[in-house]
C-alpha atoms as a PDB file:
ATOM      1  CA  MET A   1     -50.102  11.206  36.266  1.00  0.00           C
ATOM      2  CA  ASN A   2     -52.369   8.235  35.610  1.00  0.00           C
ATOM      3  CA  ARG A   3     -54.587   6.461  38.096  1.00  0.00           C
ATOM      4  CA  GLN A   4     -52.513   3.283  38.227  1.00  0.00           C
ATOM      5  CA  LEU A   5     -49.304   5.130  39.127  1.00  0.00           C
ATOM      6  CA  LYS A   6     -51.055   7.178  41.796  1.00  0.00           C
ATOM      7  CA  GLY A   7     -52.438   3.957  43.238  1.00  0.00           C
ATOM      8  CA  THR A   8     -48.924   2.549  43.336  1.00  0.00           C
ATOM      9  CA  ILE A   9     -47.729   5.619  45.230  1.00  0.00           C
ATOM     10  CA  TRP A  10     -50.406   5.163  47.889  1.00  0.00           C
ATOM     11  CA  TYR A  11     -49.994   1.376  48.155  1.00  0.00           C
ATOM     12  CA  THR A  12     -46.191   1.520  48.349  1.00  0.00           C
ATOM     13  CA  ALA A  13     -46.275   4.126  51.102  1.00  0.00           C
ATOM     14  CA  VAL A  14     -48.788   2.196  53.198  1.00  0.00           C
ATOM     15  CA  GLU A  15     -47.208  -1.219  52.734  1.00  0.00           C
ATOM     16  CA  SER A  16     -43.607  -0.160  53.389  1.00  0.00           C
ATOM     17  CA  ASN A  17     -43.960  -0.349  57.191  1.00  0.00           C
ATOM     18  CA  GLY A  18     -43.556   3.397  57.397  1.00  0.00           C
ATOM     19  CA  LEU A  19     -40.237   3.643  55.534  1.00  0.00           C
ATOM     20  CA  LEU A  20     -41.797   5.625  52.719  1.00  0.00           C
ATOM     21  CA  SER A  21     -44.158   7.498  54.998  1.00  0.00           C
ATOM     22  CA  PRO A  22     -42.115  10.720  54.982  1.00  0.00           C
ATOM     23  CA  TYR A  23     -42.297  10.761  51.198  1.00  0.00           C
ATOM     24  CA  LEU A  24     -46.054  10.324  50.810  1.00  0.00           C
ATOM     25  CA  PRO A  25     -46.851  14.049  50.787  1.00  0.00           C
ATOM     26  CA  VAL A  26     -44.133  14.557  48.175  1.00  0.00           C
ATOM     27  CA  LEU A  27     -45.641  11.985  45.859  1.00  0.00           C
ATOM     28  CA  ASP A  28     -49.194  12.974  46.729  1.00  0.00           C
ATOM     29  CA  HIS A  29     -48.392  16.602  45.875  1.00  0.00           C
ATOM     30  CA  ALA A  30     -46.853  15.598  42.557  1.00  0.00           C
ATOM     31  CA  ALA A  31     -49.755  13.298  41.713  1.00  0.00           C
ATOM     32  CA  GLY A  32     -52.354  16.004  42.081  1.00  0.00           C
ATOM     33  CA  ASP A  33     -55.421  16.572  44.176  1.00  0.00           C
ATOM     34  CA  ASP A  34     -57.368  13.497  43.121  1.00  0.00           C
ATOM     35  CA  MET A  35     -55.525  10.938  45.252  1.00  0.00           C
ATOM     36  CA  ASP A  36     -58.722  10.683  47.304  1.00  0.00           C
ATOM     37  CA  GLU A  37     -60.281   8.663  44.499  1.00  0.00           C
ATOM     38  CA  LEU A  38     -57.784   5.867  45.154  1.00  0.00           C
ATOM     39  CA  ARG A  39     -58.261   5.547  48.874  1.00  0.00           C
ATOM     40  CA  THR A  40     -60.081   2.443  49.995  1.00  0.00           C
ATOM     41  CA  THR A  41     -63.137   2.538  52.208  1.00  0.00           C
ATOM     42  CA  ASP A  42     -61.818  -0.409  54.213  1.00  0.00           C
ATOM     43  CA  LYS A  43     -61.472   0.888  57.770  1.00  0.00           C
ATOM     44  CA  GLY A  44     -58.197  -0.850  58.536  1.00  0.00           C
ATOM     45  CA  GLU A  45     -56.442   0.354  55.406  1.00  0.00           C
ATOM     46  CA  GLN A  46     -57.931   3.822  55.768  1.00  0.00           C
ATOM     47  CA  ALA A  47     -56.625   3.968  59.343  1.00  0.00           C
ATOM     48  CA  ALA A  48     -53.149   3.065  58.101  1.00  0.00           C
ATOM     49  CA  LEU A  49     -53.312   5.797  55.502  1.00  0.00           C
ATOM     50  CA  ASP A  50     -54.598   8.308  58.044  1.00  0.00           C
ATOM     51  CA  GLY A  51     -51.710   7.419  60.324  1.00  0.00           C
ATOM     52  CA  ILE A  52     -49.235   8.163  57.581  1.00  0.00           C
ATOM     53  CA  GLU A  53     -50.881  11.399  56.570  1.00  0.00           C
ATOM     54  CA  HIS A  54     -51.043  12.752  60.106  1.00  0.00           C
ATOM     55  CA  SER A  55     -47.565  11.695  61.188  1.00  0.00           C
ATOM     56  CA  SER A  56     -45.625  14.642  62.578  1.00  0.00           C
ATOM     57  CA  ALA A  57     -42.589  13.431  60.621  1.00  0.00           C
ATOM     58  CA  LEU A  58     -44.262  14.478  57.406  1.00  0.00           C
ATOM     59  CA  ASP A  59     -44.347  18.151  58.187  1.00  0.00           C
ATOM     60  CA  ALA A  60     -40.622  18.636  57.634  1.00  0.00           C
ATOM     61  CA  VAL A  61     -40.505  17.042  54.184  1.00  0.00           C
ATOM     62  CA  GLU A  62     -39.816  19.395  51.306  1.00  0.00           C
ATOM     63  CA  PRO A  63     -41.022  17.845  48.032  1.00  0.00           C
ATOM     64  CA  PRO A  64     -38.382  19.508  45.828  1.00  0.00           C
ATOM     65  CA  ALA A  65     -35.577  18.173  48.025  1.00  0.00           C
ATOM     66  CA  VAL A  66     -36.681  14.542  47.734  1.00  0.00           C
ATOM     67  CA  LEU A  67     -37.125  14.767  43.984  1.00  0.00           C
ATOM     68  CA  ALA A  68     -33.850  16.641  43.590  1.00  0.00           C
ATOM     69  CA  ARG A  69     -31.921  13.973  45.490  1.00  0.00           C
ATOM     70  CA  ALA A  70     -33.278  11.239  43.257  1.00  0.00           C
ATOM     71  CA  ARG A  71     -32.619  13.306  40.155  1.00  0.00           C
ATOM     72  CA  ALA A  72     -29.018  13.908  41.240  1.00  0.00           C
ATOM     73  CA  LEU A  73     -28.491  10.152  41.498  1.00  0.00           C
ATOM     74  CA  VAL A  74     -30.293   9.166  38.323  1.00  0.00           C
ATOM     75  CA  VAL A  75     -29.368  11.809  35.742  1.00  0.00           C
ATOM     76  CA  PRO A  76     -25.632  10.964  35.484  1.00  0.00           C
ATOM     77  CA  ALA A  77     -26.447   7.280  35.001  1.00  0.00           C
ATOM     78  CA  LEU A  78     -29.155   8.186  32.489  1.00  0.00           C
ATOM     79  CA  ARG A  79     -26.685  10.266  30.505  1.00  0.00           C
ATOM     80  CA  ALA A  80     -24.184   7.399  30.547  1.00  0.00           C
ATOM     81  CA  ALA A  81     -26.822   5.014  29.194  1.00  0.00           C
ATOM     82  CA  VAL A  82     -27.686   7.369  26.338  1.00  0.00           C
ATOM     83  CA  ASP A  83     -23.992   7.911  25.593  1.00  0.00           C
ATOM     84  CA  ARG A  84     -23.681   4.165  24.986  1.00  0.00           C
ATOM     85  CA  LEU A  85     -26.240   4.232  22.167  1.00  0.00           C
ATOM     86  CA  GLN A  86     -24.786   3.140  18.849  1.00  0.00           C
ATOM     87  CA  GLY A  87     -24.687   5.916  16.265  1.00  0.00           C
ATOM     88  CA  GLU A  88     -24.223   9.642  16.713  1.00  0.00           C
ATOM     89  CA  GLN A  89     -27.664  10.390  15.277  1.00  0.00           C
ATOM     90  CA  MET A  90     -29.393   8.119  17.793  1.00  0.00           C
ATOM     91  CA  ARG A  91     -27.544   9.795  20.634  1.00  0.00           C
ATOM     92  CA  ARG A  92     -28.414  13.231  19.264  1.00  0.00           C
ATOM     93  CA  ILE A  93     -32.123  12.481  18.912  1.00  0.00           C
ATOM     94  CA  ALA A  94     -32.309  10.946  22.374  1.00  0.00           C
ATOM     95  CA  GLY A  95     -30.367  13.850  23.851  1.00  0.00           C
ATOM     96  CA  TYR A  96     -32.600  16.353  22.086  1.00  0.00           C
ATOM     97  CA  HIS A  97     -35.746  14.598  23.294  1.00  0.00           C
ATOM     98  CA  LEU A  98     -34.425  14.576  26.864  1.00  0.00           C
ATOM     99  CA  GLY A  99     -33.574  18.274  26.660  1.00  0.00           C
ATOM    100  CA  TRP A 100     -29.813  17.903  26.900  1.00  0.00           C
ATOM    101  CA  VAL A 101     -28.901  19.261  23.462  1.00  0.00           C
ATOM    102  CA  ASP A 102     -30.382  21.418  20.735  1.00  0.00           C
ATOM    103  CA  ALA A 103     -31.187  20.200  17.236  1.00  0.00           C
ATOM    104  CA  ASP A 104     -27.531  20.624  16.228  1.00  0.00           C
ATOM    105  CA  GLY A 105     -26.317  18.547  19.142  1.00  0.00           C
ATOM    106  CA  GLN A 106     -25.026  21.510  21.148  1.00  0.00           C
ATOM    107  CA  PRO A 107     -25.346  21.109  24.936  1.00  0.00           C
ATOM    108  CA  LEU A 108     -28.083  22.985  26.774  1.00  0.00           C
ATOM    109  CA  PRO A 109     -27.883  24.155  30.407  1.00  0.00           C
ATOM    110  CA  GLY A 110     -29.396  22.102  33.209  1.00  0.00           C
ATOM    111  CA  ASP A 111     -29.975  18.374  33.550  1.00  0.00           C
ATOM    112  CA  GLY A 112     -32.606  18.560  30.825  1.00  0.00           C
ATOM    113  CA  VAL A 113     -34.904  15.827  32.139  1.00  0.00           C
ATOM    114  CA  GLY A 114     -38.408  17.244  31.993  1.00  0.00           C
ATOM    115  CA  GLY A 115     -41.267  16.499  34.348  1.00  0.00           C
ATOM    116  CA  LYS A 116     -41.251  15.935  38.095  1.00  0.00           C
ATOM    117  CA  ALA A 117     -39.007  12.808  38.046  1.00  0.00           C
ATOM    118  CA  ILE A 118     -41.694  10.836  39.887  1.00  0.00           C
ATOM    119  CA  ARG A 119     -40.901   7.525  38.185  1.00  0.00           C
ATOM    120  CA  PRO A 120     -37.191   7.430  38.991  1.00  0.00           C
ATOM    121  CA  THR A 121     -37.889   8.757  42.476  1.00  0.00           C
ATOM    122  CA  LEU A 122     -40.312   5.899  43.118  1.00  0.00           C
ATOM    123  CA  ALA A 123     -37.731   3.388  41.891  1.00  0.00           C
ATOM    124  CA  VAL A 124     -35.055   4.749  44.207  1.00  0.00           C
ATOM    125  CA  LEU A 125     -37.395   4.906  47.199  1.00  0.00           C
ATOM    126  CA  SER A 126     -38.672   1.394  46.483  1.00  0.00           C
ATOM    127  CA  ALA A 127     -35.115   0.072  46.618  1.00  0.00           C
ATOM    128  CA  GLN A 128     -34.731   1.640  50.044  1.00  0.00           C
ATOM    129  CA  ALA A 129     -38.100   0.283  51.147  1.00  0.00           C
ATOM    130  CA  GLY A 130     -36.866  -3.206  50.252  1.00  0.00           C
ATOM    131  CA  GLY A 131     -33.814  -2.854  52.464  1.00  0.00           C
ATOM    132  CA  GLY A 132     -31.373  -1.714  49.786  1.00  0.00           C
ATOM    133  CA  THR A 133     -29.636   1.571  49.179  1.00  0.00           C
ATOM    134  CA  ALA A 134     -30.653   4.452  46.979  1.00  0.00           C
ATOM    135  CA  ALA A 135     -27.706   3.683  44.714  1.00  0.00           C
ATOM    136  CA  GLN A 136     -28.964   0.142  44.212  1.00  0.00           C
ATOM    137  CA  GLY A 137     -32.207   1.569  42.885  1.00  0.00           C
ATOM    138  CA  VAL A 138     -30.517   3.702  40.233  1.00  0.00           C
ATOM    139  CA  PRO A 139     -30.316   1.081  37.428  1.00  0.00           C
ATOM    140  CA  ALA A 140     -34.041   0.363  37.710  1.00  0.00           C
ATOM    141  CA  ALA A 141     -34.778   4.091  37.895  1.00  0.00           C
ATOM    142  CA  VAL A 142     -32.776   4.694  34.720  1.00  0.00           C
ATOM    143  CA  ALA A 143     -34.445   1.787  32.947  1.00  0.00           C
ATOM    144  CA  VAL A 144     -37.919   3.057  33.859  1.00  0.00           C
ATOM    145  CA  GLU A 145     -37.065   6.560  32.660  1.00  0.00           C
ATOM    146  CA  LEU A 146     -35.683   5.220  29.379  1.00  0.00           C
ATOM    147  CA  VAL A 147     -38.798   3.136  28.740  1.00  0.00           C
ATOM    148  CA  HIS A 148     -40.967   6.153  29.502  1.00  0.00           C
ATOM    149  CA  ASN A 149     -39.078   8.277  26.988  1.00  0.00           C
ATOM    150  CA  PHE A 150     -39.105   5.517  24.384  1.00  0.00           C
ATOM    151  CA  SER A 151     -42.877   5.577  24.630  1.00  0.00           C
ATOM    152  CA  LEU A 152     -42.959   9.372  24.306  1.00  0.00           C
ATOM    153  CA  LEU A 153     -40.822   9.340  21.169  1.00  0.00           C
ATOM    154  CA  HIS A 154     -43.225   6.902  19.526  1.00  0.00           C
ATOM    155  CA  ASP A 155     -46.393   8.435  20.967  1.00  0.00           C
ATOM    156  CA  ASP A 156     -45.522  11.856  19.605  1.00  0.00           C
ATOM    157  CA  ILE A 157     -45.421  10.366  16.123  1.00  0.00           C
ATOM    158  CA  MET A 158     -48.615   8.367  16.487  1.00  0.00           C
ATOM    159  CA  ASP A 159     -50.492  11.295  18.023  1.00  0.00           C
ATOM    160  CA  ARG A 160     -48.961  13.794  15.587  1.00  0.00           C
ATOM    161  CA  ASP A 161     -47.863  15.982  18.490  1.00  0.00           C
ATOM    162  CA  VAL A 162     -45.632  18.763  17.202  1.00  0.00           C
ATOM    163  CA  GLU A 163     -44.475  20.208  20.532  1.00  0.00           C
ATOM    164  CA  ARG A 164     -43.193  18.768  23.795  1.00  0.00           C
ATOM    165  CA  ARG A 165     -41.748  20.747  26.680  1.00  0.00           C
ATOM    166  CA  HIS A 166     -42.121  23.995  24.760  1.00  0.00           C
ATOM    167  CA  ARG A 167     -40.161  23.027  21.659  1.00  0.00           C
ATOM    168  CA  PRO A 168     -40.685  20.923  18.515  1.00  0.00           C
ATOM    169  CA  THR A 169     -40.929  17.183  19.056  1.00  0.00           C
ATOM    170  CA  ALA A 170     -38.123  14.919  17.859  1.00  0.00           C
ATOM    171  CA  TRP A 171     -39.978  13.622  14.814  1.00  0.00           C
ATOM    172  CA  VAL A 172     -40.683  17.173  13.633  1.00  0.00           C
ATOM    173  CA  VAL A 173     -36.965  17.993  13.796  1.00  0.00           C
ATOM    174  CA  PHE A 174     -35.385  14.711  12.704  1.00  0.00           C
ATOM    175  CA  GLY A 175     -38.150  12.949  10.779  1.00  0.00           C
ATOM    176  CA  GLU A 176     -40.422  10.056  11.606  1.00  0.00           C
ATOM    177  CA  GLY A 177     -38.127   7.226  10.592  1.00  0.00           C
ATOM    178  CA  GLN A 178     -35.122   8.451  12.562  1.00  0.00           C
ATOM    179  CA  SER A 179     -37.260   9.162  15.614  1.00  0.00           C
ATOM    180  CA  ILE A 180     -38.796   5.692  15.524  1.00  0.00           C
ATOM    181  CA  LEU A 181     -35.311   4.196  15.405  1.00  0.00           C
ATOM    182  CA  ALA A 182     -34.201   6.441  18.258  1.00  0.00           C
ATOM    183  CA  GLY A 183     -37.158   5.281  20.341  1.00  0.00           C
ATOM    184  CA  ASN A 184     -36.210   1.671  19.659  1.00  0.00           C
ATOM    185  CA  ALA A 185     -32.616   2.435  20.622  1.00  0.00           C
ATOM    186  CA  VAL A 186     -33.728   4.027  23.895  1.00  0.00           C
ATOM    187  CA  LEU A 187     -35.807   0.942  24.713  1.00  0.00           C
ATOM    188  CA  THR A 188     -32.793  -1.257  24.005  1.00  0.00           C
ATOM    189  CA  ALA A 189     -30.747   0.968  26.315  1.00  0.00           C
ATOM    190  CA  ALA A 190     -33.217   0.276  29.136  1.00  0.00           C
ATOM    191  CA  VAL A 191     -32.652  -3.453  28.727  1.00  0.00           C
ATOM    192  CA  ASP A 192     -28.895  -2.912  28.567  1.00  0.00           C
ATOM    193  CA  VAL A 193     -28.918  -0.975  31.846  1.00  0.00           C
ATOM    194  CA  LEU A 194     -30.562  -3.864  33.691  1.00  0.00           C
ATOM    195  CA  VAL A 195     -28.337  -6.478  32.060  1.00  0.00           C
ATOM    196  CA  ARG A 196     -25.285  -4.522  33.197  1.00  0.00           C
ATOM    197  CA  ASP A 197     -26.651  -4.478  36.752  1.00  0.00           C
ATOM    198  CA  GLY A 198     -25.983  -8.191  37.216  1.00  0.00           C
ATOM    199  CA  ALA A 199     -28.269 -10.521  39.120  1.00  0.00           C
ATOM    200  CA  ALA A 200     -30.525  -7.775  40.477  1.00  0.00           C
ATOM    201  CA  GLY A 201     -31.061  -6.325  37.027  1.00  0.00           C
ATOM    202  CA  HIS A 202     -31.688  -9.750  35.531  1.00  0.00           C
ATOM    203  CA  ARG A 203     -34.438 -10.347  38.089  1.00  0.00           C
ATOM    204  CA  ALA A 204     -36.052  -7.019  37.238  1.00  0.00           C
ATOM    205  CA  LEU A 205     -35.854  -7.429  33.473  1.00  0.00           C
ATOM    206  CA  PRO A 206     -38.945  -9.654  32.977  1.00  0.00           C
ATOM    207  CA  SER A 207     -41.080  -7.154  34.898  1.00  0.00           C
ATOM    208  CA  LEU A 208     -39.804  -4.276  32.790  1.00  0.00           C
ATOM    209  CA  LEU A 209     -40.437  -6.102  29.530  1.00  0.00           C
ATOM    210  CA  ALA A 210     -43.898  -7.199  30.659  1.00  0.00           C
ATOM    211  CA  ALA A 211     -44.784  -3.576  31.328  1.00  0.00           C
ATOM    212  CA  VAL A 212     -43.728  -2.336  27.891  1.00  0.00           C
END
């Protein structure tokens, strides 16, 4: 996980008036041991962070449970977004990249989404921190995950990576051109998810596009 995202984890937890406090050890654990690099030397902010870290409420948090709850909310909506892609080949490449199907398009067991699901979890928790519900954070979580995977599809080609998550990358299996198009389609799907979310999604769309 990069430095900017880890900084966002720390800042969001501190600035959320304690709402995200129970989740800080979950995110800190997933981010790695170098969160200390991001902590400010300002005494007031350090005191706030220390208060979060030493809260007795944190002891009961199980990191897998928090991530699993977010994953359970996000994965069905993520699958629905991919299912709306135009063209069977685009859906197959995206599904293969996400670990849902094999190269022939046959379903694989599990939810298939690799990694720790930190990005969608942060989106869901941020919605709750802003006074909304976890469900209201799902469209943004799906959009963030789609943009992330769009970037991976293209990065694998540019970096000439031949393996991801212990199997051949999409461009190795389907070719560069088709994988580039699939990445573009996945990015378009992220925009579509927010557009479908109505006013809230429309407000979030400029931020998503600015980050791409």
